[in-house]
C-alpha atoms as a PDB file:
ATOM      1  CA  MET A   1       9.622  14.841   2.514  1.00  0.00           C
ATOM      2  CA  ALA A   2      10.949  14.187  -0.953  1.00  0.00           C
ATOM      3  CA  PRO A   3       9.059  12.222  -3.647  1.00  0.00           C
ATOM      4  CA  GLN A   4      11.385   9.216  -3.559  1.00  0.00           C
ATOM      5  CA  CYS A   5      10.810   5.499  -3.145  1.00  0.00           C
ATOM      6  CA  ILE A   6      13.386   3.992  -0.835  1.00  0.00           C
ATOM      7  CA  LEU A   7      13.395   0.208  -0.482  1.00  0.00           C
ATOM      8  CA  THR A   8      15.832  -2.476   0.558  1.00  0.00           C
ATOM      9  CA  VAL A   9      17.756  -3.935  -2.375  1.00  0.00           C
ATOM     10  CA  LYS A  10      15.875  -7.248  -2.058  1.00  0.00           C
ATOM     11  CA  ALA A  11      12.478  -5.533  -2.139  1.00  0.00           C
ATOM     12  CA  ALA A  12      13.474  -3.339  -5.101  1.00  0.00           C
ATOM     13  CA  GLU A  13      14.744  -6.338  -7.061  1.00  0.00           C
ATOM     14  CA  ALA A  14      11.523  -8.263  -6.388  1.00  0.00           C
ATOM     15  CA  LEU A  15       9.467  -5.240  -7.439  1.00  0.00           C
ATOM     16  CA  ARG A  16      11.463  -5.017 -10.672  1.00  0.00           C
ATOM     17  CA  GLU A  17      10.423  -8.620 -11.413  1.00  0.00           C
ATOM     18  CA  VAL A  18       6.754  -7.748 -10.859  1.00  0.00           C
ATOM     19  CA  GLN A  19       7.162  -4.799 -13.227  1.00  0.00           C
ATOM     20  CA  ALA A  20       8.729  -7.061 -15.860  1.00  0.00           C
ATOM     21  CA  ASP A  21       5.791  -9.487 -15.680  1.00  0.00           C
ATOM     22  CA  LEU A  22       3.287  -6.660 -16.030  1.00  0.00           C
ATOM     23  CA  GLY A  23       5.208  -5.041 -18.886  1.00  0.00           C
ATOM     24  CA  SER A  24       4.468  -7.934 -21.207  1.00  0.00           C
ATOM     25  CA  PHE A  25       0.761  -7.022 -20.889  1.00  0.00           C
ATOM     26  CA  GLY A  26       1.260  -3.287 -21.442  1.00  0.00           C
ATOM     27  CA  LEU A  27       0.854  -2.676 -17.713  1.00  0.00           C
ATOM     28  CA  GLY A  28       3.120  -1.261 -15.049  1.00  0.00           C
ATOM     29  CA  LEU A  29       3.310  -0.329 -11.400  1.00  0.00           C
ATOM     30  CA  LYS A  30       2.517   2.971  -9.723  1.00  0.00           C
ATOM     31  CA  VAL A  31       4.021   3.238  -6.262  1.00  0.00           C
ATOM     32  CA  PHE A  32       2.221   5.307  -3.639  1.00  0.00           C
ATOM     33  CA  ASP A  33       4.437   4.721  -0.611  1.00  0.00           C
ATOM     34  CA  CYS A  34       7.679   2.951   0.270  1.00  0.00           C
ATOM     35  CA  TYR A  35       9.970   3.661   3.192  1.00  0.00           C
ATOM     36  CA  ARG A  36       8.441   5.904   5.837  1.00  0.00           C
ATOM     37  CA  PRO A  37      10.540   7.241   8.759  1.00  0.00           C
ATOM     38  CA  GLN A  38       9.320   6.175  12.193  1.00  0.00           C
ATOM     39  CA  SER A  39       8.940   9.870  13.068  1.00  0.00           C
ATOM     40  CA  ALA A  40       6.339  10.185  10.267  1.00  0.00           C
ATOM     41  CA  VAL A  41       4.529   7.155  11.661  1.00  0.00           C
ATOM     42  CA  GLN A  42       4.472   8.807  15.076  1.00  0.00           C
ATOM     43  CA  GLN A  43       2.866  11.931  13.562  1.00  0.00           C
ATOM     44  CA  PHE A  44       0.217   9.727  11.979  1.00  0.00           C
ATOM     45  CA  VAL A  45      -0.403   7.996  15.317  1.00  0.00           C
ATOM     46  CA  ARG A  46      -0.882  11.388  17.009  1.00  0.00           C
ATOM     47  CA  TRP A  47      -3.427  12.329  14.343  1.00  0.00           C
ATOM     48  CA  ALA A  48      -5.291   9.035  14.803  1.00  0.00           C
ATOM     49  CA  ARG A  49      -5.499   9.527  18.559  1.00  0.00           C
ATOM     50  CA  ASP A  50      -6.947  13.034  18.148  1.00  0.00           C
ATOM     51  CA  LEU A  51     -10.589  11.986  17.934  1.00  0.00           C
ATOM     52  CA  ASP A  52     -11.713  15.593  17.443  1.00  0.00           C
ATOM     53  CA  ASP A  53      -9.857  15.900  14.126  1.00  0.00           C
ATOM     54  CA  THR A  54     -12.303  14.389  11.637  1.00  0.00           C
ATOM     55  CA  LYS A  55     -11.609  16.636   8.627  1.00  0.00           C
ATOM     56  CA  THR A  56     -10.587  13.697   6.429  1.00  0.00           C
ATOM     57  CA  LYS A  57     -13.217  11.185   7.589  1.00  0.00           C
ATOM     58  CA  ASN A  58     -15.238  11.241   4.355  1.00  0.00           C
ATOM     59  CA  ARG A  59     -12.175  10.614   2.218  1.00  0.00           C
ATOM     60  CA  PHE A  60     -10.117   8.160   4.287  1.00  0.00           C
ATOM     61  CA  TYR A  61     -12.346   6.365   6.830  1.00  0.00           C
ATOM     62  CA  PRO A  62     -16.054   6.910   6.081  1.00  0.00           C
ATOM     63  CA  ASP A  63     -17.086   3.407   7.203  1.00  0.00           C
ATOM     64  CA  VAL A  64     -14.988   3.191  10.386  1.00  0.00           C
ATOM     65  CA  GLU A  65     -15.029   5.208  13.580  1.00  0.00           C
ATOM     66  CA  LYS A  66     -11.726   6.986  14.137  1.00  0.00           C
ATOM     67  CA  SER A  67     -11.575   5.519  17.644  1.00  0.00           C
ATOM     68  CA  SER A  68     -11.459   2.041  16.021  1.00  0.00           C
ATOM     69  CA  LEU A  69      -8.627   2.619  13.536  1.00  0.00           C
ATOM     70  CA  PHE A  70      -6.020   0.976  15.793  1.00  0.00           C
ATOM     71  CA  LYS A  71      -8.255  -1.847  17.014  1.00  0.00           C
ATOM     72  CA  GLU A  72      -9.321  -2.757  13.481  1.00  0.00           C
ATOM     73  CA  GLY A  73      -5.732  -2.841  12.203  1.00  0.00           C
ATOM     74  CA  TYR A  74      -5.758   0.162   9.902  1.00  0.00           C
ATOM     75  CA  ILE A  75      -3.127   2.037  11.919  1.00  0.00           C
ATOM     76  CA  ALA A  76      -0.300   0.758  14.125  1.00  0.00           C
ATOM     77  CA  ALA A  77       2.207   2.484  16.378  1.00  0.00           C
ATOM     78  CA  ARG A  78       4.948   0.934  14.252  1.00  0.00           C
ATOM     79  CA  SER A  79       4.715   0.556  10.511  1.00  0.00           C
ATOM     80  CA  SER A  80       6.348  -2.072   8.330  1.00  0.00           C
ATOM     81  CA  HIS A  81       7.059   0.813   5.939  1.00  0.00           C
ATOM     82  CA  SER A  82       9.765   1.922   8.383  1.00  0.00           C
ATOM     83  CA  ARG A  83      11.682  -1.302   7.696  1.00  0.00           C
ATOM     84  CA  GLY A  84      12.178  -0.530   4.001  1.00  0.00           C
ATOM     85  CA  SER A  85      10.611  -3.665   2.513  1.00  0.00           C
ATOM     86  CA  THR A  86       6.949  -2.637   2.407  1.00  0.00           C
ATOM     87  CA  VAL A  87       5.328  -0.922  -0.535  1.00  0.00           C
ATOM     88  CA  ASP A  88       1.877   0.465  -1.352  1.00  0.00           C
ATOM     89  CA  LEU A  89       1.135   0.330  -5.063  1.00  0.00           C
ATOM     90  CA  THR A  90      -1.316  -0.267  -7.891  1.00  0.00           C
ATOM     91  CA  ILE A  91      -1.310  -1.258 -11.549  1.00  0.00           C
ATOM     92  CA  VAL A  92      -1.402   1.259 -14.406  1.00  0.00           C
ATOM     93  CA  GLU A  93      -1.838   1.028 -18.166  1.00  0.00           C
ATOM     94  CA  LEU A  94       1.242   1.900 -20.210  1.00  0.00           C
ATOM     95  CA  GLY A  95       1.390   3.467 -23.663  1.00  0.00           C
ATOM     96  CA  GLY A  96      -1.389   4.737 -25.882  1.00  0.00           C
ATOM     97  CA  ASN A  97      -3.622   7.654 -25.049  1.00  0.00           C
ATOM     98  CA  GLU A  98      -4.337   6.430 -21.526  1.00  0.00           C
ATOM     99  CA  SER A  99      -0.726   6.094 -20.437  1.00  0.00           C
ATOM    100  CA  GLY A 100      -0.459   5.929 -16.682  1.00  0.00           C
ATOM    101  CA  GLY A 101      -4.156   5.384 -16.047  1.00  0.00           C
ATOM    102  CA  GLU A 102      -4.712   3.329 -12.908  1.00  0.00           C
ATOM    103  CA  LEU A 103      -6.720   0.131 -13.163  1.00  0.00           C
ATOM    104  CA  ASP A 104      -9.940   0.403 -11.173  1.00  0.00           C
ATOM    105  CA  MET A 105      -9.425  -1.499  -7.933  1.00  0.00           C
ATOM    106  CA  GLY A 106     -12.868  -0.752  -6.528  1.00  0.00           C
ATOM    107  CA  SER A 107     -11.687   1.661  -3.839  1.00  0.00           C
ATOM    108  CA  ASN A 108      -9.199   4.439  -3.442  1.00  0.00           C
ATOM    109  CA  PHE A 109      -5.717   3.876  -2.072  1.00  0.00           C
ATOM    110  CA  ASP A 110      -5.560   4.540   1.682  1.00  0.00           C
ATOM    111  CA  LEU A 111      -9.277   4.030   2.254  1.00  0.00           C
ATOM    112  CA  PHE A 112      -9.693   2.545   5.734  1.00  0.00           C
ATOM    113  CA  SER A 113     -12.787   0.485   5.029  1.00  0.00           C
ATOM    114  CA  PRO A 114     -13.897  -3.079   4.399  1.00  0.00           C
ATOM    115  CA  LYS A 115     -14.233  -1.909   0.773  1.00  0.00           C
ATOM    116  CA  SER A 116     -10.418  -2.010   0.638  1.00  0.00           C
ATOM    117  CA  TRP A 117     -10.092  -5.603   1.775  1.00  0.00           C
ATOM    118  CA  PRO A 118      -8.669  -7.579  -1.155  1.00  0.00           C
ATOM    119  CA  MET A 119     -11.321 -10.312  -0.930  1.00  0.00           C
ATOM    120  CA  ASN A 120     -14.344  -8.051  -0.385  1.00  0.00           C
ATOM    121  CA  ARG A 121     -17.256  -9.652  -2.276  1.00  0.00           C
ATOM    122  CA  GLU A 122     -19.149  -6.344  -2.535  1.00  0.00           C
ATOM    123  CA  ILE A 123     -16.619  -5.112  -5.097  1.00  0.00           C
ATOM    124  CA  ALA A 124     -17.413  -5.843  -8.755  1.00  0.00           C
ATOM    125  CA  SER A 125     -15.708  -8.957 -10.086  1.00  0.00           C
ATOM    126  CA  SER A 126     -13.683  -6.997 -12.660  1.00  0.00           C
ATOM    127  CA  ARG A 127     -12.212  -4.852  -9.884  1.00  0.00           C
ATOM    128  CA  ARG A 128     -11.517  -7.909  -7.714  1.00  0.00           C
ATOM    129  CA  ALA A 129      -9.737  -9.400 -10.739  1.00  0.00           C
ATOM    130  CA  HIS A 130      -7.465  -6.338 -10.876  1.00  0.00           C
ATOM    131  CA  ARG A 131      -6.747  -6.755  -7.160  1.00  0.00           C
ATOM    132  CA  MET A 132      -6.001 -10.453  -7.658  1.00  0.00           C
ATOM    133  CA  LEU A 133      -3.650  -9.748 -10.559  1.00  0.00           C
ATOM    134  CA  LEU A 134      -1.659  -7.389  -8.365  1.00  0.00           C
ATOM    135  CA  ARG A 135      -1.758  -9.784  -5.426  1.00  0.00           C
ATOM    136  CA  ASP A 136      -0.796 -12.865  -7.445  1.00  0.00           C
ATOM    137  CA  LEU A 137       2.202 -11.165  -9.034  1.00  0.00           C
ATOM    138  CA  MET A 138       3.386  -9.671  -5.755  1.00  0.00           C
ATOM    139  CA  VAL A 139       3.103 -13.060  -4.003  1.00  0.00           C
ATOM    140  CA  LYS A 140       4.835 -14.781  -6.940  1.00  0.00           C
ATOM    141  CA  HIS A 141       7.806 -12.473  -6.435  1.00  0.00           C
ATOM    142  CA  GLY A 142       8.108 -12.858  -2.692  1.00  0.00           C
ATOM    143  CA  PHE A 143       5.751 -10.325  -1.148  1.00  0.00           C
ATOM    144  CA  ALA A 144       3.104 -11.019   1.488  1.00  0.00           C
ATOM    145  CA  PRO A 145      -0.231  -9.195   1.182  1.00  0.00           C
ATOM    146  CA  TYR A 146      -2.014  -7.387   3.992  1.00  0.00           C
ATOM    147  CA  GLU A 147      -5.574  -8.652   4.307  1.00  0.00           C
ATOM    148  CA  GLN A 148      -7.141  -5.222   4.877  1.00  0.00           C
ATOM    149  CA  GLU A 149      -5.509  -3.239   2.070  1.00  0.00           C
ATOM    150  CA  TRP A 150      -5.366  -4.384  -1.547  1.00  0.00           C
ATOM    151  CA  TRP A 151      -2.356  -2.077  -2.153  1.00  0.00           C
ATOM    152  CA  HIS A 152      -0.087  -3.049   0.784  1.00  0.00           C
ATOM    153  CA  PHE A 153       2.673  -5.693   0.480  1.00  0.00           C
ATOM    154  CA  THR A 154       5.722  -6.601   2.565  1.00  0.00           C
ATOM    155  CA  LEU A 155       8.632  -8.646   1.282  1.00  0.00           C
ATOM    156  CA  ARG A 156       8.717 -12.088   2.877  1.00  0.00           C
ATOM    157  CA  HIS A 157      12.095 -12.758   4.482  1.00  0.00           C
ATOM    158  CA  GLU A 158      12.748  -9.026   4.613  1.00  0.00           C
ATOM    159  CA  PRO A 159      16.315  -8.112   5.584  1.00  0.00           C
ATOM    160  CA  TYR A 160      15.393  -5.961   8.633  1.00  0.00           C
ATOM    161  CA  PRO A 161      12.266  -7.542  10.179  1.00  0.00           C
ATOM    162  CA  THR A 162      12.751  -5.999  13.629  1.00  0.00           C
ATOM    163  CA  THR A 163      14.308  -2.657  12.716  1.00  0.00           C
ATOM    164  CA  TYR A 164      12.266   0.532  12.385  1.00  0.00           C
ATOM    165  CA  PHE A 165      14.441   3.106  10.630  1.00  0.00           C
ATOM    166  CA  ASN A 166      14.065   6.811  11.266  1.00  0.00           C
ATOM    167  CA  PHE A 167      16.310   8.529   8.756  1.00  0.00           C
ATOM    168  CA  PRO A 168      14.809  11.497   6.890  1.00  0.00           C
ATOM    169  CA  VAL A 169      14.216  11.478   3.153  1.00  0.00           C
ATOM    170  CA  GLN A 170      15.702  14.569   1.539  1.00  0.00           C
END
């Protein structure tokens, strides 16, 4: 896979508006994941169903049993990322000596845990405020949040709501 962010035009335009709002505060966006081919999703599903492979448990799902990842909504057989209007992202500081430093959101990206839920009350208020800033701006510009991941947003009224693309990124 290539390090590229592929999005529908509508999603990219909405994301540009979020970036513009953040820019006035010396902040910007860091994108972790955009379009993901359905074949990549299928590889992830195979990994999740292999209950003997627990090498990444401590990093990615320390609070959840691997056998529960589907049931608890952390993994699905089809991903909205394959439709091209879903993005995983965070906020970073721009300029100065700490250019590009991520704001502390209280958990790592891609942590399958209640700690990643945007409204988790166990997270310090300053970190919840960072999550809410991201959420409020994304919602303002047409994205819908996912209630189990502070970083995951899908464009409302996305252009391809029932299509799961499978073209490779090269």
